[in-house]
């Protein structure tokens, strides 16, 4: 990437061929991400928090292309 950082993307369908390897890598990466969140080193971008009862509105918002960040469903 231009800023010298790297990014990794997950294709959940690719994990079907080597499921154990994929799960092990995913588990390790998620552990690292959750640790960084706990330490405050990462700040998630939350565009909106929507009650679960309004899931239709949440999906429309997420698909609208007008939000920056994630649309989070709340219980």
PDB file of N, CA and C in Angstrom:
ATOM      1  N   UNK A   1       0.837  -1.172   0.000  1.00  0.00           N
ATOM      2  CA  UNK A   1       0.000   0.000   0.000  1.00  0.00           C
ATOM      3  C   UNK A   1       0.882   1.236   0.000  1.00  0.00           C
ATOM      4  N   UNK A   2       0.370   2.340  -0.508  1.00  0.00           N
ATOM      5  CA  UNK A   2       1.185   3.552  -0.621  1.00  0.00           C
ATOM      6  C   UNK A   2       1.754   4.052   0.709  1.00  0.00           C
ATOM      7  N   UNK A   3       1.042   3.851   1.811  1.00  0.00           N
ATOM      8  CA  UNK A   3       1.508   4.366   3.100  1.00  0.00           C
ATOM      9  C   UNK A   3       2.470   3.405   3.808  1.00  0.00           C
ATOM     10  N   UNK A   4       2.857   2.327   3.127  1.00  0.00           N
ATOM     11  CA  UNK A   4       3.802   1.380   3.695  1.00  0.00           C
ATOM     12  C   UNK A   4       3.173   0.329   4.599  1.00  0.00           C
ATOM     13  N   UNK A   5       1.863   0.413   4.793  1.00  0.00           N
ATOM     14  CA  UNK A   5       1.174  -0.573   5.620  1.00  0.00           C
ATOM     15  C   UNK A   5       0.671  -1.697   4.740  1.00  0.00           C
ATOM     16  N   UNK A   6       0.267  -2.775   5.372  1.00  0.00           N
ATOM     17  CA  UNK A   6      -0.259  -3.900   4.608  1.00  0.00           C
ATOM     18  C   UNK A   6      -1.658  -4.232   5.104  1.00  0.00           C
ATOM     19  N   UNK A   7      -2.381  -4.941   4.286  1.00  0.00           N
ATOM     20  CA  UNK A   7      -3.733  -5.356   4.648  1.00  0.00           C
ATOM     21  C   UNK A   7      -3.907  -6.818   4.284  1.00  0.00           C
ATOM     22  N   UNK A   8      -4.702  -7.517   5.071  1.00  0.00           N
ATOM     23  CA  UNK A   8      -5.011  -8.914   4.803  1.00  0.00           C
ATOM     24  C   UNK A   8      -6.519  -9.051   4.731  1.00  0.00           C
ATOM     25  N   UNK A   9      -6.983  -9.764   3.751  1.00  0.00           N
ATOM     26  CA  UNK A   9      -8.405  -9.958   3.574  1.00  0.00           C
ATOM     27  C   UNK A   9      -8.706 -11.443   3.670  1.00  0.00           C
ATOM     28  N   UNK A  10      -9.861 -11.759   4.194  1.00  0.00           N
ATOM     29  CA  UNK A  10     -10.250 -13.150   4.368  1.00  0.00           C
ATOM     30  C   UNK A  10     -11.354 -13.521   3.395  1.00  0.00           C
ATOM     31  N   UNK A  11     -11.165 -14.639   2.757  1.00  0.00           N
ATOM     32  CA  UNK A  11     -12.183 -15.211   1.887  1.00  0.00           C
ATOM     33  C   UNK A  11     -12.666 -16.467   2.607  1.00  0.00           C
ATOM     34  N   UNK A  12     -13.861 -16.397   3.197  1.00  0.00           N
ATOM     35  CA  UNK A  12     -14.324 -17.535   3.990  1.00  0.00           C
ATOM     36  C   UNK A  12     -14.525 -18.778   3.139  1.00  0.00           C
ATOM     37  N   UNK A  13     -14.726 -18.631   1.847  1.00  0.00           N
ATOM     38  CA  UNK A  13     -14.902 -19.794   0.980  1.00  0.00           C
ATOM     39  C   UNK A  13     -13.574 -20.482   0.705  1.00  0.00           C
ATOM     40  N   UNK A  14     -12.484 -19.751   0.741  1.00  0.00           N
ATOM     41  CA  UNK A  14     -11.171 -20.351   0.511  1.00  0.00           C
ATOM     42  C   UNK A  14     -10.823 -21.315   1.634  1.00  0.00           C
ATOM     43  N   UNK A  15     -11.386 -21.101   2.817  1.00  0.00           N
ATOM     44  CA  UNK A  15     -11.101 -21.956   3.957  1.00  0.00           C
ATOM     45  C   UNK A  15     -11.676 -23.355   3.832  1.00  0.00           C
ATOM     46  N   UNK A  16     -12.564 -23.575   2.879  1.00  0.00           N
ATOM     47  CA  UNK A  16     -13.174 -24.897   2.744  1.00  0.00           C
ATOM     48  C   UNK A  16     -12.160 -25.953   2.324  1.00  0.00           C
ATOM     49  N   UNK A  17     -11.155 -25.572   1.558  1.00  0.00           N
ATOM     50  CA  UNK A  17     -10.168 -26.540   1.075  1.00  0.00           C
ATOM     51  C   UNK A  17      -9.219 -26.982   2.178  1.00  0.00           C
ATOM     52  N   UNK A  18      -8.795 -26.065   2.994  1.00  0.00           N
ATOM     53  CA  UNK A  18      -7.856 -26.358   4.091  1.00  0.00           C
ATOM     54  C   UNK A  18      -8.432 -25.774   5.369  1.00  0.00           C
ATOM     55  N   UNK A  19      -9.500 -26.345   5.814  1.00  0.00           N
ATOM     56  CA  UNK A  19     -10.276 -25.782   6.910  1.00  0.00           C
ATOM     57  C   UNK A  19      -9.467 -25.636   8.191  1.00  0.00           C
ATOM     58  N   UNK A  20      -8.705 -26.637   8.568  1.00  0.00           N
ATOM     59  CA  UNK A  20      -7.936 -26.563   9.809  1.00  0.00           C
ATOM     60  C   UNK A  20      -6.894 -25.448   9.759  1.00  0.00           C
ATOM     61  N   UNK A  21      -6.200 -25.335   8.643  1.00  0.00           N
ATOM     62  CA  UNK A  21      -5.194 -24.284   8.479  1.00  0.00           C
ATOM     63  C   UNK A  21      -5.837 -22.906   8.509  1.00  0.00           C
ATOM     64  N   UNK A  22      -6.946 -22.782   7.801  1.00  0.00           N
ATOM     65  CA  UNK A  22      -7.653 -21.507   7.759  1.00  0.00           C
ATOM     66  C   UNK A  22      -8.143 -21.105   9.148  1.00  0.00           C
ATOM     67  N   UNK A  23      -8.742 -22.047   9.852  1.00  0.00           N
ATOM     68  CA  UNK A  23      -9.262 -21.732  11.195  1.00  0.00           C
ATOM     69  C   UNK A  23      -8.148 -21.348  12.150  1.00  0.00           C
ATOM     70  N   UNK A  24      -7.017 -22.019  12.061  1.00  0.00           N
ATOM     71  CA  UNK A  24      -5.888 -21.701  12.936  1.00  0.00           C
ATOM     72  C   UNK A  24      -5.375 -20.289  12.665  1.00  0.00           C
ATOM     73  N   UNK A  25      -5.242 -19.936  11.396  1.00  0.00           N
ATOM     74  CA  UNK A  25      -4.778 -18.588  11.043  1.00  0.00           C
ATOM     75  C   UNK A  25      -5.787 -17.538  11.481  1.00  0.00           C
ATOM     76  N   UNK A  26      -7.062 -17.805  11.240  1.00  0.00           N
ATOM     77  CA  UNK A  26      -8.106 -16.862  11.619  1.00  0.00           C
ATOM     78  C   UNK A  26      -8.149 -16.683  13.137  1.00  0.00           C
ATOM     79  N   UNK A  27      -8.048 -17.777  13.867  1.00  0.00           N
ATOM     80  CA  UNK A  27      -8.067 -17.721  15.332  1.00  0.00           C
ATOM     81  C   UNK A  27      -6.908 -16.856  15.847  1.00  0.00           C
ATOM     82  N   UNK A  28      -5.726 -17.066  15.303  1.00  0.00           N
ATOM     83  CA  UNK A  28      -4.572 -16.274  15.723  1.00  0.00           C
ATOM     84  C   UNK A  28      -4.728 -14.806  15.410  1.00  0.00           C
ATOM     85  N   UNK A  29      -5.216 -14.506  14.218  1.00  0.00           N
ATOM     86  CA  UNK A  29      -5.401 -13.109  13.821  1.00  0.00           C
ATOM     87  C   UNK A  29      -6.479 -12.433  14.654  1.00  0.00           C
ATOM     88  N   UNK A  30      -7.596 -13.132  14.886  1.00  0.00           N
ATOM     89  CA  UNK A  30      -8.662 -12.537  15.694  1.00  0.00           C
ATOM     90  C   UNK A  30      -8.208 -12.322  17.135  1.00  0.00           C
ATOM     91  N   UNK A  31      -7.413 -13.226  17.648  1.00  0.00           N
ATOM     92  CA  UNK A  31      -6.869 -13.051  18.998  1.00  0.00           C
ATOM     93  C   UNK A  31      -6.036 -11.781  19.063  1.00  0.00           C
ATOM     94  N   UNK A  32      -5.216 -11.554  18.036  1.00  0.00           N
ATOM     95  CA  UNK A  32      -4.372 -10.358  17.997  1.00  0.00           C
ATOM     96  C   UNK A  32      -5.223  -9.092  17.878  1.00  0.00           C
ATOM     97  N   UNK A  33      -6.227  -9.116  17.030  1.00  0.00           N
ATOM     98  CA  UNK A  33      -7.090  -7.947  16.862  1.00  0.00           C
ATOM     99  C   UNK A  33      -7.834  -7.633  18.160  1.00  0.00           C
ATOM    100  N   UNK A  34      -8.391  -8.661  18.799  1.00  0.00           N
ATOM    101  CA  UNK A  34      -9.118  -8.435  20.049  1.00  0.00           C
ATOM    102  C   UNK A  34      -8.194  -7.917  21.150  1.00  0.00           C
ATOM    103  N   UNK A  35      -6.961  -8.382  21.158  1.00  0.00           N
ATOM    104  CA  UNK A  35      -5.987  -7.881  22.130  1.00  0.00           C
ATOM    105  C   UNK A  35      -5.701  -6.400  21.881  1.00  0.00           C
ATOM    106  N   UNK A  36      -5.519  -6.025  20.628  1.00  0.00           N
ATOM    107  CA  UNK A  36      -5.280  -4.620  20.296  1.00  0.00           C
ATOM    108  C   UNK A  36      -6.484  -3.748  20.667  1.00  0.00           C
ATOM    109  N   UNK A  37      -7.680  -4.270  20.474  1.00  0.00           N
ATOM    110  CA  UNK A  37      -8.883  -3.540  20.891  1.00  0.00           C
ATOM    111  C   UNK A  37      -8.902  -3.345  22.401  1.00  0.00           C
ATOM    112  N   UNK A  38      -8.585  -4.403  23.131  1.00  0.00           N
ATOM    113  CA  UNK A  38      -8.579  -4.333  24.590  1.00  0.00           C
ATOM    114  C   UNK A  38      -7.540  -3.326  25.093  1.00  0.00           C
ATOM    115  N   UNK A  39      -6.417  -3.223  24.400  1.00  0.00           N
ATOM    116  CA  UNK A  39      -5.353  -2.294  24.786  1.00  0.00           C
ATOM    117  C   UNK A  39      -5.659  -0.862  24.360  1.00  0.00           C
ATOM    118  N   UNK A  40      -6.659  -0.682  23.520  1.00  0.00           N
ATOM    119  CA  UNK A  40      -6.988   0.647  23.033  1.00  0.00           C
ATOM    120  C   UNK A  40      -6.144   1.079  21.844  1.00  0.00           C
ATOM    121  N   UNK A  41      -5.374   0.159  21.274  1.00  0.00           N
ATOM    122  CA  UNK A  41      -4.528   0.487  20.130  1.00  0.00           C
ATOM    123  C   UNK A  41      -5.342   0.592  18.838  1.00  0.00           C
ATOM    124  N   UNK A  42      -6.510  -0.045  18.818  1.00  0.00           N
ATOM    125  CA  UNK A  42      -7.419   0.037  17.674  1.00  0.00           C
ATOM    126  C   UNK A  42      -8.728   0.648  18.129  1.00  0.00           C
ATOM    127  N   UNK A  43      -9.283   1.470  17.281  1.00  0.00           N
ATOM    128  CA  UNK A  43     -10.596   2.044  17.557  1.00  0.00           C
ATOM    129  C   UNK A  43     -11.506   1.693  16.394  1.00  0.00           C
ATOM    130  N   UNK A  44     -12.524   0.882  16.651  1.00  0.00           N
ATOM    131  CA  UNK A  44     -13.416   0.510  15.547  1.00  0.00           C
ATOM    132  C   UNK A  44     -14.226   1.702  15.064  1.00  0.00           C
ATOM    133  N   UNK A  45     -14.470   1.752  13.767  1.00  0.00           N
ATOM    134  CA  UNK A  45     -15.314   2.797  13.195  1.00  0.00           C
ATOM    135  C   UNK A  45     -16.737   2.279  13.163  1.00  0.00           C
ATOM    136  N   UNK A  46     -17.576   2.824  14.021  1.00  0.00           N
ATOM    137  CA  UNK A  46     -18.977   2.429  14.077  1.00  0.00           C
ATOM    138  C   UNK A  46     -19.790   3.577  13.501  1.00  0.00           C
ATOM    139  N   UNK A  47     -20.457   3.305  12.395  1.00  0.00           N
ATOM    140  CA  UNK A  47     -21.262   4.339  11.746  1.00  0.00           C
ATOM    141  C   UNK A  47     -22.597   4.506  12.447  1.00  0.00           C
ATOM    142  N   UNK A  48     -23.180   3.388  12.902  1.00  0.00           N
ATOM    143  CA  UNK A  48     -24.494   3.452  13.549  1.00  0.00           C
ATOM    144  C   UNK A  48     -24.705   2.219  14.400  1.00  0.00           C
ATOM    145  N   UNK A  49     -25.462   2.410  15.461  1.00  0.00           N
ATOM    146  CA  UNK A  49     -25.917   1.296  16.301  1.00  0.00           C
ATOM    147  C   UNK A  49     -27.425   1.232  16.145  1.00  0.00           C
ATOM    148  N   UNK A  50     -27.921   0.082  15.697  1.00  0.00           N
ATOM    149  CA  UNK A  50     -29.335  -0.065  15.372  1.00  0.00           C
ATOM    150  C   UNK A  50     -29.906  -1.231  16.180  1.00  0.00           C
ATOM    151  N   UNK A  51     -31.086  -1.052  16.784  1.00  0.00           N
ATOM    152  CA  UNK A  51     -31.701  -2.166  17.513  1.00  0.00           C
ATOM    153  C   UNK A  51     -31.981  -3.342  16.579  1.00  0.00           C
ATOM    154  N   UNK A  52     -31.829  -4.549  17.103  1.00  0.00           N
ATOM    155  CA  UNK A  52     -32.047  -5.758  16.322  1.00  0.00           C
ATOM    156  C   UNK A  52     -33.449  -5.777  15.716  1.00  0.00           C
ATOM    157  N   UNK A  53     -34.404  -5.200  16.413  1.00  0.00           N
ATOM    158  CA  UNK A  53     -35.783  -5.164  15.920  1.00  0.00           C
ATOM    159  C   UNK A  53     -35.906  -4.361  14.624  1.00  0.00           C
ATOM    160  N   UNK A  54     -34.914  -3.514  14.339  1.00  0.00           N
ATOM    161  CA  UNK A  54     -34.931  -2.679  13.131  1.00  0.00           C
ATOM    162  C   UNK A  54     -33.894  -3.152  12.119  1.00  0.00           C
ATOM    163  N   UNK A  55     -33.766  -4.464  11.993  1.00  0.00           N
ATOM    164  CA  UNK A  55     -32.728  -5.033  11.129  1.00  0.00           C
ATOM    165  C   UNK A  55     -32.878  -4.587   9.673  1.00  0.00           C
ATOM    166  N   UNK A  56     -34.091  -4.417   9.211  1.00  0.00           N
ATOM    167  CA  UNK A  56     -34.308  -3.963   7.830  1.00  0.00           C
ATOM    168  C   UNK A  56     -33.683  -2.604   7.582  1.00  0.00           C
ATOM    169  N   UNK A  57     -33.882  -1.709   8.527  1.00  0.00           N
ATOM    170  CA  UNK A  57     -33.293  -0.366   8.407  1.00  0.00           C
ATOM    171  C   UNK A  57     -31.773  -0.438   8.448  1.00  0.00           C
ATOM    172  N   UNK A  58     -31.241  -1.338   9.281  1.00  0.00           N
ATOM    173  CA  UNK A  58     -29.790  -1.490   9.386  1.00  0.00           C
ATOM    174  C   UNK A  58     -29.198  -1.987   8.069  1.00  0.00           C
ATOM    175  N   UNK A  59     -29.846  -2.957   7.448  1.00  0.00           N
ATOM    176  CA  UNK A  59     -29.364  -3.494   6.174  1.00  0.00           C
ATOM    177  C   UNK A  59     -29.421  -2.418   5.093  1.00  0.00           C
ATOM    178  N   UNK A  60     -30.517  -1.689   5.051  1.00  0.00           N
ATOM    179  CA  UNK A  60     -30.626  -0.607   4.045  1.00  0.00           C
ATOM    180  C   UNK A  60     -29.527   0.427   4.253  1.00  0.00           C
ATOM    181  N   UNK A  61     -29.260   0.781   5.491  1.00  0.00           N
ATOM    182  CA  UNK A  61     -28.208   1.755   5.784  1.00  0.00           C
ATOM    183  C   UNK A  61     -26.843   1.217   5.363  1.00  0.00           C
ATOM    184  N   UNK A  62     -26.553  -0.036   5.715  1.00  0.00           N
ATOM    185  CA  UNK A  62     -25.256  -0.629   5.375  1.00  0.00           C
ATOM    186  C   UNK A  62     -25.065  -0.717   3.865  1.00  0.00           C
ATOM    187  N   UNK A  63     -26.131  -1.008   3.148  1.00  0.00           N
ATOM    188  CA  UNK A  63     -26.042  -1.159   1.692  1.00  0.00           C
ATOM    189  C   UNK A  63     -26.142   0.164   0.938  1.00  0.00           C
ATOM    190  N   UNK A  64     -26.441   1.234   1.642  1.00  0.00           N
ATOM    191  CA  UNK A  64     -26.650   2.527   0.980  1.00  0.00           C
ATOM    192  C   UNK A  64     -25.369   3.143   0.438  1.00  0.00           C
ATOM    193  N   UNK A  65     -24.251   2.743   1.003  1.00  0.00           N
ATOM    194  CA  UNK A  65     -22.987   3.328   0.563  1.00  0.00           C
ATOM    195  C   UNK A  65     -22.758   4.728   1.112  1.00  0.00           C
ATOM    196  N   UNK A  66     -23.562   5.128   2.079  1.00  0.00           N
ATOM    197  CA  UNK A  66     -23.456   6.483   2.617  1.00  0.00           C
ATOM    198  C   UNK A  66     -22.775   6.530   3.976  1.00  0.00           C
ATOM    199  N   UNK A  67     -22.436   5.382   4.528  1.00  0.00           N
ATOM    200  CA  UNK A  67     -21.845   5.359   5.866  1.00  0.00           C
ATOM    201  C   UNK A  67     -20.371   5.000   5.802  1.00  0.00           C
ATOM    202  N   UNK A  68     -19.620   5.535   6.743  1.00  0.00           N
ATOM    203  CA  UNK A  68     -18.214   5.181   6.898  1.00  0.00           C
ATOM    204  C   UNK A  68     -18.114   4.416   8.207  1.00  0.00           C
ATOM    205  N   UNK A  69     -17.789   3.159   8.126  1.00  0.00           N
ATOM    206  CA  UNK A  69     -17.723   2.324   9.316  1.00  0.00           C
ATOM    207  C   UNK A  69     -18.770   1.232   9.250  1.00  0.00           C
ATOM    208  N   UNK A  70     -18.930   0.563  10.357  1.00  0.00           N
ATOM    209  CA  UNK A  70     -19.833  -0.580  10.434  1.00  0.00           C
ATOM    210  C   UNK A  70     -21.171  -0.181  11.033  1.00  0.00           C
ATOM    211  N   UNK A  71     -22.197  -0.889  10.601  1.00  0.00           N
ATOM    212  CA  UNK A  71     -23.511  -0.756  11.204  1.00  0.00           C
ATOM    213  C   UNK A  71     -23.634  -1.916  12.183  1.00  0.00           C
ATOM    214  N   UNK A  72     -23.791  -1.593  13.463  1.00  0.00           N
ATOM    215  CA  UNK A  72     -23.793  -2.599  14.512  1.00  0.00           C
ATOM    216  C   UNK A  72     -25.219  -2.837  14.996  1.00  0.00           C
ATOM    217  N   UNK A  73     -25.599  -4.114  15.050  1.00  0.00           N
ATOM    218  CA  UNK A  73     -26.917  -4.482  15.575  1.00  0.00           C
ATOM    219  C   UNK A  73     -26.817  -4.638  17.077  1.00  0.00           C
ATOM    220  N   UNK A  74     -27.740  -4.016  17.784  1.00  0.00           N
ATOM    221  CA  UNK A  74     -27.756  -4.067  19.251  1.00  0.00           C
ATOM    222  C   UNK A  74     -28.941  -4.908  19.718  1.00  0.00           C
ATOM    223  N   UNK A  75     -28.760  -5.708  20.769  1.00  0.00           N
ATOM    224  CA  UNK A  75     -29.879  -6.528  21.277  1.00  0.00           C
ATOM    225  C   UNK A  75     -30.996  -5.662  21.836  1.00  0.00           C
TER     226      UNK A  75
END
